[in-house]
Amino acid sequence: MKKISVLFASLILCACNSGLSGTYEDQMGISSYKFEKGGKLTTNTMGMQVETKYEMDGKDIKMEMPGGQGKLVFTVLDDKTISGPMGIKLTKKQ
């Protein structure tokens, strides 16, 4: 019975922490990434908005590219910013 309780508690904690939430922007304000729990991601780059999905893998964020053309991998850093390809650094909007 104790093992079942521990397993159930672990599943609840994992489900509660299964994603990011909030909007992150690059330093120049050109693009923003709105993460919602459940894996929904809305990107906005220079007025062009695209909805896609993301998944967490440890500190890595795997973002689906539109049209199923693969995934981009970003990383959540210790200071709670997000680092991406080509030196992109995203900071959470207040």
PDB file of N, CA and C in Angstrom:
ATOM      1  N   MET A   1       0.828  -1.191   0.000  1.00  0.00           N
ATOM      2  CA  MET A   1       0.000   0.000   0.000  1.00  0.00           C
ATOM      3  C   MET A   1       0.873   1.254   0.000  1.00  0.00           C
ATOM      4  N   LYS A   2       1.981   1.210   0.751  1.00  0.00           N
ATOM      5  CA  LYS A   2       2.864   2.359   0.839  1.00  0.00           C
ATOM      6  C   LYS A   2       3.489   2.678  -0.524  1.00  0.00           C
ATOM      7  N   LYS A   3       3.857   1.631  -1.282  1.00  0.00           N
ATOM      8  CA  LYS A   3       4.444   1.830  -2.605  1.00  0.00           C
ATOM      9  C   LYS A   3       3.447   2.501  -3.538  1.00  0.00           C
ATOM     10  N   ILE A   4       2.184   2.128  -3.463  1.00  0.00           N
ATOM     11  CA  ILE A   4       1.150   2.725  -4.311  1.00  0.00           C
ATOM     12  C   ILE A   4       0.995   4.204  -3.977  1.00  0.00           C
ATOM     13  N   SER A   5       1.015   4.543  -2.687  1.00  0.00           N
ATOM     14  CA  SER A   5       0.889   5.942  -2.266  1.00  0.00           C
ATOM     15  C   SER A   5       2.044   6.780  -2.789  1.00  0.00           C
ATOM     16  N   VAL A   6       3.259   6.254  -2.711  1.00  0.00           N
ATOM     17  CA  VAL A   6       4.434   6.969  -3.194  1.00  0.00           C
ATOM     18  C   VAL A   6       4.344   7.152  -4.710  1.00  0.00           C
ATOM     19  N   LEU A   7       3.952   6.120  -5.422  1.00  0.00           N
ATOM     20  CA  LEU A   7       3.807   6.200  -6.871  1.00  0.00           C
ATOM     21  C   LEU A   7       2.748   7.229  -7.248  1.00  0.00           C
ATOM     22  N   PHE A   8       1.609   7.212  -6.577  1.00  0.00           N
ATOM     23  CA  PHE A   8       0.534   8.145  -6.853  1.00  0.00           C
ATOM     24  C   PHE A   8       0.990   9.586  -6.601  1.00  0.00           C
ATOM     25  N   ALA A   9       1.698   9.817  -5.506  1.00  0.00           N
ATOM     26  CA  ALA A   9       2.200  11.161  -5.190  1.00  0.00           C
ATOM     27  C   ALA A   9       3.185  11.627  -6.256  1.00  0.00           C
ATOM     28  N   SER A  10       4.041  10.728  -6.723  1.00  0.00           N
ATOM     29  CA  SER A  10       5.007  11.075  -7.774  1.00  0.00           C
ATOM     30  C   SER A  10       4.305  11.458  -9.064  1.00  0.00           C
ATOM     31  N   LEU A  11       3.269  10.710  -9.420  1.00  0.00           N
ATOM     32  CA  LEU A  11       2.515  11.025 -10.639  1.00  0.00           C
ATOM     33  C   LEU A  11       1.846  12.384 -10.550  1.00  0.00           C
ATOM     34  N   ILE A  12       1.303  12.710  -9.402  1.00  0.00           N
ATOM     35  CA  ILE A  12       0.656  14.012  -9.217  1.00  0.00           C
ATOM     36  C   ILE A  12       1.685  15.128  -9.361  1.00  0.00           C
ATOM     37  N   LEU A  13       2.855  14.976  -8.743  1.00  0.00           N
ATOM     38  CA  LEU A  13       3.886  16.000  -8.844  1.00  0.00           C
ATOM     39  C   LEU A  13       4.359  16.166 -10.277  1.00  0.00           C
ATOM     40  N   CYS A  14       4.520  15.094 -10.994  1.00  0.00           N
ATOM     41  CA  CYS A  14       4.945  15.173 -12.393  1.00  0.00           C
ATOM     42  C   CYS A  14       3.893  15.875 -13.237  1.00  0.00           C
ATOM     43  N   ALA A  15       2.639  15.560 -13.014  1.00  0.00           N
ATOM     44  CA  ALA A  15       1.554  16.169 -13.791  1.00  0.00           C
ATOM     45  C   ALA A  15       1.466  17.657 -13.512  1.00  0.00           C
ATOM     46  N   CYS A  16       1.715  18.067 -12.282  1.00  0.00           N
ATOM     47  CA  CYS A  16       1.626  19.484 -11.932  1.00  0.00           C
ATOM     48  C   CYS A  16       2.782  20.279 -12.509  1.00  0.00           C
ATOM     49  N   ASN A  17       3.898  19.645 -12.753  1.00  0.00           N
ATOM     50  CA  ASN A  17       5.074  20.350 -13.237  1.00  0.00           C
ATOM     51  C   ASN A  17       5.417  19.910 -14.658  1.00  0.00           C
ATOM     52  N   SER A  18       4.402  19.678 -15.476  1.00  0.00           N
ATOM     53  CA  SER A  18       4.643  19.111 -16.791  1.00  0.00           C
ATOM     54  C   SER A  18       4.919  20.151 -17.866  1.00  0.00           C
ATOM     55  N   GLY A  19       5.048  21.407 -17.511  1.00  0.00           N
ATOM     56  CA  GLY A  19       5.329  22.376 -18.544  1.00  0.00           C
ATOM     57  C   GLY A  19       5.634  23.751 -18.001  1.00  0.00           C
ATOM     58  N   LEU A  20       5.947  24.627 -18.931  1.00  0.00           N
ATOM     59  CA  LEU A  20       6.190  26.018 -18.610  1.00  0.00           C
ATOM     60  C   LEU A  20       4.877  26.780 -18.691  1.00  0.00           C
ATOM     61  N   SER A  21       4.879  27.968 -18.150  1.00  0.00           N
ATOM     62  CA  SER A  21       3.755  28.859 -18.376  1.00  0.00           C
ATOM     63  C   SER A  21       4.287  30.279 -18.383  1.00  0.00           C
ATOM     64  N   GLY A  22       3.694  31.094 -19.209  1.00  0.00           N
ATOM     65  CA  GLY A  22       4.101  32.487 -19.311  1.00  0.00           C
ATOM     66  C   GLY A  22       4.665  32.808 -20.673  1.00  0.00           C
ATOM     67  N   THR A  23       4.944  34.090 -20.857  1.00  0.00           N
ATOM     68  CA  THR A  23       5.465  34.582 -22.127  1.00  0.00           C
ATOM     69  C   THR A  23       6.918  35.006 -21.957  1.00  0.00           C
ATOM     70  N   TYR A  24       7.748  34.560 -22.877  1.00  0.00           N
ATOM     71  CA  TYR A  24       9.169  34.869 -22.880  1.00  0.00           C
ATOM     72  C   TYR A  24       9.493  35.635 -24.159  1.00  0.00           C
ATOM     73  N   GLU A  25      10.388  36.635 -24.053  1.00  0.00           N
ATOM     74  CA  GLU A  25      10.771  37.456 -25.205  1.00  0.00           C
ATOM     75  C   GLU A  25      12.280  37.449 -25.385  1.00  0.00           C
ATOM     76  N   ASP A  26      12.707  37.710 -26.639  1.00  0.00           N
ATOM     77  CA  ASP A  26      14.132  37.885 -26.877  1.00  0.00           C
ATOM     78  C   ASP A  26      14.537  39.297 -26.437  1.00  0.00           C
ATOM     79  N   GLN A  27      15.842  39.561 -26.423  1.00  0.00           N
ATOM     80  CA  GLN A  27      16.358  40.829 -25.916  1.00  0.00           C
ATOM     81  C   GLN A  27      15.881  42.032 -26.735  1.00  0.00           C
ATOM     82  N   MET A  28      15.653  41.854 -28.018  1.00  0.00           N
ATOM     83  CA  MET A  28      15.264  42.965 -28.882  1.00  0.00           C
ATOM     84  C   MET A  28      13.753  43.122 -29.010  1.00  0.00           C
ATOM     85  N   GLY A  29      12.988  42.198 -28.438  1.00  0.00           N
ATOM     86  CA  GLY A  29      11.535  42.274 -28.525  1.00  0.00           C
ATOM     87  C   GLY A  29      10.972  41.906 -29.886  1.00  0.00           C
ATOM     88  N   ILE A  30      11.757  41.197 -30.681  1.00  0.00           N
ATOM     89  CA  ILE A  30      11.317  40.809 -32.024  1.00  0.00           C
ATOM     90  C   ILE A  30      10.405  39.594 -31.974  1.00  0.00           C
ATOM     91  N   SER A  31      10.705  38.672 -31.078  1.00  0.00           N
ATOM     92  CA  SER A  31       9.887  37.459 -30.997  1.00  0.00           C
ATOM     93  C   SER A  31       9.493  37.175 -29.553  1.00  0.00           C
ATOM     94  N   SER A  32       8.326  36.530 -29.426  1.00  0.00           N
ATOM     95  CA  SER A  32       7.866  36.108 -28.104  1.00  0.00           C
ATOM     96  C   SER A  32       7.350  34.678 -28.203  1.00  0.00           C
ATOM     97  N   TYR A  33       7.438  33.980 -27.100  1.00  0.00           N
ATOM     98  CA  TYR A  33       7.032  32.579 -26.999  1.00  0.00           C
ATOM     99  C   TYR A  33       6.102  32.460 -25.802  1.00  0.00           C
ATOM    100  N   LYS A  34       4.841  32.129 -26.051  1.00  0.00           N
ATOM    101  CA  LYS A  34       3.876  31.978 -24.963  1.00  0.00           C
ATOM    102  C   LYS A  34       3.684  30.485 -24.696  1.00  0.00           C
ATOM    103  N   PHE A  35       4.153  30.042 -23.531  1.00  0.00           N
ATOM    104  CA  PHE A  35       4.053  28.648 -23.118  1.00  0.00           C
ATOM    105  C   PHE A  35       2.833  28.480 -22.224  1.00  0.00           C
ATOM    106  N   GLU A  36       2.049  27.465 -22.512  1.00  0.00           N
ATOM    107  CA  GLU A  36       0.903  27.147 -21.670  1.00  0.00           C
ATOM    108  C   GLU A  36       1.043  25.707 -21.206  1.00  0.00           C
ATOM    109  N   LYS A  37       0.526  25.446 -20.018  1.00  0.00           N
ATOM    110  CA  LYS A  37       0.556  24.072 -19.506  1.00  0.00           C
ATOM    111  C   LYS A  37      -0.190  23.176 -20.482  1.00  0.00           C
ATOM    112  N   GLY A  38       0.226  21.938 -20.543  1.00  0.00           N
ATOM    113  CA  GLY A  38      -0.389  21.010 -21.473  1.00  0.00           C
ATOM    114  C   GLY A  38       0.315  20.961 -22.812  1.00  0.00           C
ATOM    115  N   GLY A  39       1.402  21.740 -22.958  1.00  0.00           N
ATOM    116  CA  GLY A  39       2.202  21.637 -24.165  1.00  0.00           C
ATOM    117  C   GLY A  39       1.846  22.569 -25.301  1.00  0.00           C
ATOM    118  N   LYS A  40       0.990  23.555 -25.084  1.00  0.00           N
ATOM    119  CA  LYS A  40       0.639  24.499 -26.151  1.00  0.00           C
ATOM    120  C   LYS A  40       1.656  25.631 -26.177  1.00  0.00           C
ATOM    121  N   LEU A  41       2.113  25.978 -27.377  1.00  0.00           N
ATOM    122  CA  LEU A  41       3.073  27.053 -27.564  1.00  0.00           C
ATOM    123  C   LEU A  41       2.595  27.957 -28.681  1.00  0.00           C
ATOM    124  N   THR A  42       2.584  29.263 -28.411  1.00  0.00           N
ATOM    125  CA  THR A  42       2.253  30.246 -29.433  1.00  0.00           C
ATOM    126  C   THR A  42       3.464  31.153 -29.596  1.00  0.00           C
ATOM    127  N   THR A  43       4.011  31.188 -30.807  1.00  0.00           N
ATOM    128  CA  THR A  43       5.140  32.075 -31.080  1.00  0.00           C
ATOM    129  C   THR A  43       4.643  33.258 -31.896  1.00  0.00           C
ATOM    130  N   ASN A  44       5.259  34.407 -31.662  1.00  0.00           N
ATOM    131  CA  ASN A  44       4.917  35.608 -32.397  1.00  0.00           C
ATOM    132  C   ASN A  44       6.227  36.270 -32.802  1.00  0.00           C
ATOM    133  N   THR A  45       6.479  36.314 -34.105  1.00  0.00           N
ATOM    134  CA  THR A  45       7.695  36.924 -34.623  1.00  0.00           C
ATOM    135  C   THR A  45       7.315  37.987 -35.634  1.00  0.00           C
ATOM    136  N   MET A  46       7.610  39.234 -35.298  1.00  0.00           N
ATOM    137  CA  MET A  46       7.324  40.372 -36.165  1.00  0.00           C
ATOM    138  C   MET A  46       5.881  40.343 -36.675  1.00  0.00           C
ATOM    139  N   GLY A  47       4.935  40.058 -35.782  1.00  0.00           N
ATOM    140  CA  GLY A  47       3.517  40.077 -36.123  1.00  0.00           C
ATOM    141  C   GLY A  47       2.971  38.781 -36.689  1.00  0.00           C
ATOM    142  N   MET A  48       3.829  37.805 -36.972  1.00  0.00           N
ATOM    143  CA  MET A  48       3.363  36.516 -37.498  1.00  0.00           C
ATOM    144  C   MET A  48       3.214  35.544 -36.339  1.00  0.00           C
ATOM    145  N   GLN A  49       1.986  35.113 -36.090  1.00  0.00           N
ATOM    146  CA  GLN A  49       1.699  34.237 -34.956  1.00  0.00           C
ATOM    147  C   GLN A  49       1.503  32.806 -35.434  1.00  0.00           C
ATOM    148  N   VAL A  50       2.151  31.866 -34.718  1.00  0.00           N
ATOM    149  CA  VAL A  50       2.074  30.447 -35.053  1.00  0.00           C
ATOM    150  C   VAL A  50       1.813  29.649 -33.788  1.00  0.00           C
ATOM    151  N   GLU A  51       0.837  28.739 -33.827  1.00  0.00           N
ATOM    152  CA  GLU A  51       0.572  27.840 -32.703  1.00  0.00           C
ATOM    153  C   GLU A  51       1.193  26.491 -32.994  1.00  0.00           C
ATOM    154  N   THR A  52       1.842  25.948 -31.990  1.00  0.00           N
ATOM    155  CA  THR A  52       2.471  24.635 -32.117  1.00  0.00           C
ATOM    156  C   THR A  52       2.493  23.989 -30.729  1.00  0.00           C
ATOM    157  N   LYS A  53       3.297  22.967 -30.553  1.00  0.00           N
ATOM    158  CA  LYS A  53       3.375  22.259 -29.277  1.00  0.00           C
ATOM    159  C   LYS A  53       4.815  22.189 -28.804  1.00  0.00           C
ATOM    160  N   TYR A  54       4.953  21.971 -27.508  1.00  0.00           N
ATOM    161  CA  TYR A  54       6.277  21.768 -26.931  1.00  0.00           C
ATOM    162  C   TYR A  54       6.179  20.669 -25.873  1.00  0.00           C
ATOM    163  N   GLU A  55       7.337  20.114 -25.543  1.00  0.00           N
ATOM    164  CA  GLU A  55       7.400  19.147 -24.447  1.00  0.00           C
ATOM    165  C   GLU A  55       8.684  19.387 -23.670  1.00  0.00           C
ATOM    166  N   MET A  56       8.609  19.114 -22.385  1.00  0.00           N
ATOM    167  CA  MET A  56       9.772  19.269 -21.510  1.00  0.00           C
ATOM    168  C   MET A  56      10.490  17.925 -21.393  1.00  0.00           C
ATOM    169  N   ASP A  57      11.808  17.986 -21.403  1.00  0.00           N
ATOM    170  CA  ASP A  57      12.648  16.821 -21.185  1.00  0.00           C
ATOM    171  C   ASP A  57      13.772  17.260 -20.249  1.00  0.00           C
ATOM    172  N   GLY A  58      13.512  17.192 -18.944  1.00  0.00           N
ATOM    173  CA  GLY A  58      14.453  17.753 -17.974  1.00  0.00           C
ATOM    174  C   GLY A  58      14.419  19.267 -18.105  1.00  0.00           C
ATOM    175  N   LYS A  59      15.588  19.865 -18.387  1.00  0.00           N
ATOM    176  CA  LYS A  59      15.661  21.310 -18.594  1.00  0.00           C
ATOM    177  C   LYS A  59      15.516  21.685 -20.062  1.00  0.00           C
ATOM    178  N   ASP A  60      15.426  20.697 -20.930  1.00  0.00           N
ATOM    179  CA  ASP A  60      15.277  20.958 -22.359  1.00  0.00           C
ATOM    180  C   ASP A  60      13.812  21.140 -22.742  1.00  0.00           C
ATOM    181  N   ILE A  61      13.576  22.084 -23.635  1.00  0.00           N
ATOM    182  CA  ILE A  61      12.248  22.326 -24.192  1.00  0.00           C
ATOM    183  C   ILE A  61      12.327  21.933 -25.660  1.00  0.00           C
ATOM    184  N   LYS A  62      11.549  20.955 -26.053  1.00  0.00           N
ATOM    185  CA  LYS A  62      11.536  20.510 -27.444  1.00  0.00           C
ATOM    186  C   LYS A  62      10.297  21.101 -28.103  1.00  0.00           C
ATOM    187  N   MET A  63      10.522  22.050 -29.017  1.00  0.00           N
ATOM    188  CA  MET A  63       9.438  22.758 -29.686  1.00  0.00           C
ATOM    189  C   MET A  63       9.234  22.190 -31.077  1.00  0.00           C
ATOM    190  N   GLU A  64       7.997  21.825 -31.387  1.00  0.00           N
ATOM    191  CA  GLU A  64       7.690  21.338 -32.727  1.00  0.00           C
ATOM    192  C   GLU A  64       7.767  22.496 -33.711  1.00  0.00           C
ATOM    193  N   MET A  65       8.344  22.225 -34.860  1.00  0.00           N
ATOM    194  CA  MET A  65       8.371  23.227 -35.923  1.00  0.00           C
ATOM    195  C   MET A  65       7.089  23.098 -36.732  1.00  0.00           C
ATOM    196  N   PRO A  66       6.575  24.203 -37.233  1.00  0.00           N
ATOM    197  CA  PRO A  66       5.351  24.150 -38.050  1.00  0.00           C
ATOM    198  C   PRO A  66       5.517  23.199 -39.232  1.00  0.00           C
ATOM    199  N   GLY A  67       4.466  22.497 -39.563  1.00  0.00           N
ATOM    200  CA  GLY A  67       4.488  21.578 -40.691  1.00  0.00           C
ATOM    201  C   GLY A  67       5.192  20.267 -40.405  1.00  0.00           C
ATOM    202  N   GLY A  68       5.474  19.983 -39.128  1.00  0.00           N
ATOM    203  CA  GLY A  68       6.107  18.716 -38.778  1.00  0.00           C
ATOM    204  C   GLY A  68       7.519  18.572 -39.303  1.00  0.00           C
ATOM    205  N   GLN A  69       8.244  19.686 -39.417  1.00  0.00           N
ATOM    206  CA  GLN A  69       9.589  19.662 -39.982  1.00  0.00           C
ATOM    207  C   GLN A  69      10.673  19.436 -38.943  1.00  0.00           C
ATOM    208  N   GLY A  70      10.335  18.847 -37.818  1.00  0.00           N
ATOM    209  CA  GLY A  70      11.327  18.567 -36.792  1.00  0.00           C
ATOM    210  C   GLY A  70      11.069  19.360 -35.533  1.00  0.00           C
ATOM    211  N   LYS A  71      12.092  19.402 -34.681  1.00  0.00           N
ATOM    212  CA  LYS A  71      11.965  20.101 -33.401  1.00  0.00           C
ATOM    213  C   LYS A  71      13.181  20.976 -33.165  1.00  0.00           C
ATOM    214  N   LEU A  72      12.936  22.107 -32.509  1.00  0.00           N
ATOM    215  CA  LEU A  72      14.008  22.955 -32.012  1.00  0.00           C
ATOM    216  C   LEU A  72      14.157  22.663 -30.530  1.00  0.00           C
ATOM    217  N   VAL A  73      15.393  22.656 -30.043  1.00  0.00           N
ATOM    218  CA  VAL A  73      15.621  22.394 -28.629  1.00  0.00           C
ATOM    219  C   VAL A  73      16.162  23.658 -27.973  1.00  0.00           C
ATOM    220  N   PHE A  74      15.456  24.124 -26.963  1.00  0.00           N
ATOM    221  CA  PHE A  74      15.862  25.238 -26.129  1.00  0.00           C
ATOM    222  C   PHE A  74      16.162  24.672 -24.747  1.00  0.00           C
ATOM    223  N   THR A  75      16.860  25.431 -23.898  1.00  0.00           N
ATOM    224  CA  THR A  75      17.215  24.962 -22.562  1.00  0.00           C
ATOM    225  C   THR A  75      16.867  26.016 -21.518  1.00  0.00           C
ATOM    226  N   VAL A  76      16.209  25.587 -20.438  1.00  0.00           N
ATOM    227  CA  VAL A  76      15.928  26.475 -19.315  1.00  0.00           C
ATOM    228  C   VAL A  76      17.207  26.559 -18.478  1.00  0.00           C
ATOM    229  N   LEU A  77      17.707  27.771 -18.294  1.00  0.00           N
ATOM    230  CA  LEU A  77      18.937  27.981 -17.537  1.00  0.00           C
ATOM    231  C   LEU A  77      18.628  28.185 -16.062  1.00  0.00           C
ATOM    232  N   ASP A  78      19.668  28.132 -15.240  1.00  0.00           N
ATOM    233  CA  ASP A  78      19.500  28.263 -13.794  1.00  0.00           C
ATOM    234  C   ASP A  78      18.891  29.607 -13.389  1.00  0.00           C
ATOM    235  N   ASP A  79      19.118  30.660 -14.187  1.00  0.00           N
ATOM    236  CA  ASP A  79      18.563  31.974 -13.855  1.00  0.00           C
ATOM    237  C   ASP A  79      17.138  32.150 -14.387  1.00  0.00           C
ATOM    238  N   LYS A  80      16.517  31.037 -14.831  1.00  0.00           N
ATOM    239  CA  LYS A  80      15.131  30.993 -15.322  1.00  0.00           C
ATOM    240  C   LYS A  80      14.947  31.639 -16.697  1.00  0.00           C
ATOM    241  N   THR A  81      16.047  31.972 -17.383  1.00  0.00           N
ATOM    242  CA  THR A  81      15.947  32.401 -18.767  1.00  0.00           C
ATOM    243  C   THR A  81      16.002  31.160 -19.641  1.00  0.00           C
ATOM    244  N   ILE A  82      15.743  31.339 -20.926  1.00  0.00           N
ATOM    245  CA  ILE A  82      15.750  30.214 -21.859  1.00  0.00           C
ATOM    246  C   ILE A  82      16.772  30.506 -22.946  1.00  0.00           C
ATOM    247  N   SER A  83      17.626  29.533 -23.213  1.00  0.00           N
ATOM    248  CA  SER A  83      18.661  29.650 -24.234  1.00  0.00           C
ATOM    249  C   SER A  83      18.269  28.806 -25.443  1.00  0.00           C
ATOM    250  N   GLY A  84      18.444  29.379 -26.637  1.00  0.00           N
ATOM    251  CA  GLY A  84      18.056  28.663 -27.844  1.00  0.00           C
ATOM    252  C   GLY A  84      19.128  28.692 -28.911  1.00  0.00           C
ATOM    253  N   PRO A  85      18.788  28.150 -30.081  1.00  0.00           N
ATOM    254  CA  PRO A  85      19.734  28.102 -31.195  1.00  0.00           C
ATOM    255  C   PRO A  85      20.228  29.500 -31.582  1.00  0.00           C
ATOM    256  N   MET A  86      21.414  29.565 -32.113  1.00  0.00           N
ATOM    257  CA  MET A  86      22.040  30.793 -32.607  1.00  0.00           C
ATOM    258  C   MET A  86      22.117  31.887 -31.550  1.00  0.00           C
ATOM    259  N   GLY A  87      22.284  31.508 -30.278  1.00  0.00           N
ATOM    260  CA  GLY A  87      22.475  32.476 -29.215  1.00  0.00           C
ATOM    261  C   GLY A  87      21.216  33.188 -28.729  1.00  0.00           C
ATOM    262  N   ILE A  88      20.047  32.696 -29.118  1.00  0.00           N
ATOM    263  CA  ILE A  88      18.803  33.318 -28.650  1.00  0.00           C
ATOM    264  C   ILE A  88      18.703  33.165 -27.127  1.00  0.00           C
ATOM    265  N   LYS A  89      18.363  34.250 -26.446  1.00  0.00           N
ATOM    266  CA  LYS A  89      18.118  34.191 -25.017  1.00  0.00           C
ATOM    267  C   LYS A  89      16.760  34.826 -24.757  1.00  0.00           C
ATOM    268  N   LEU A  90      15.895  34.062 -24.117  1.00  0.00           N
ATOM    269  CA  LEU A  90      14.533  34.521 -23.834  1.00  0.00           C
ATOM    270  C   LEU A  90      14.380  34.796 -22.344  1.00  0.00           C
ATOM    271  N   THR A  91      13.704  35.893 -22.029  1.00  0.00           N
ATOM    272  CA  THR A  91      13.468  36.298 -20.655  1.00  0.00           C
ATOM    273  C   THR A  91      11.955  36.395 -20.440  1.00  0.00           C
ATOM    274  N   LYS A  92      11.502  35.957 -19.284  1.00  0.00           N
ATOM    275  CA  LYS A  92      10.073  35.971 -18.981  1.00  0.00           C
ATOM    276  C   LYS A  92       9.582  37.395 -18.831  1.00  0.00           C
ATOM    277  N   LYS A  93       8.460  37.697 -19.498  1.00  0.00           N
ATOM    278  CA  LYS A  93       7.818  39.006 -19.350  1.00  0.00           C
ATOM    279  C   LYS A  93       7.179  39.121 -17.987  1.00  0.00           C
ATOM    280  N   GLN A  94       7.191  40.299 -17.458  1.00  0.00           N
ATOM    281  CA  GLN A  94       6.579  40.549 -16.144  1.00  0.00           C
ATOM    282  C   GLN A  94       5.082  40.696 -16.266  1.00  0.00           C
TER     283      GLN A  94
END
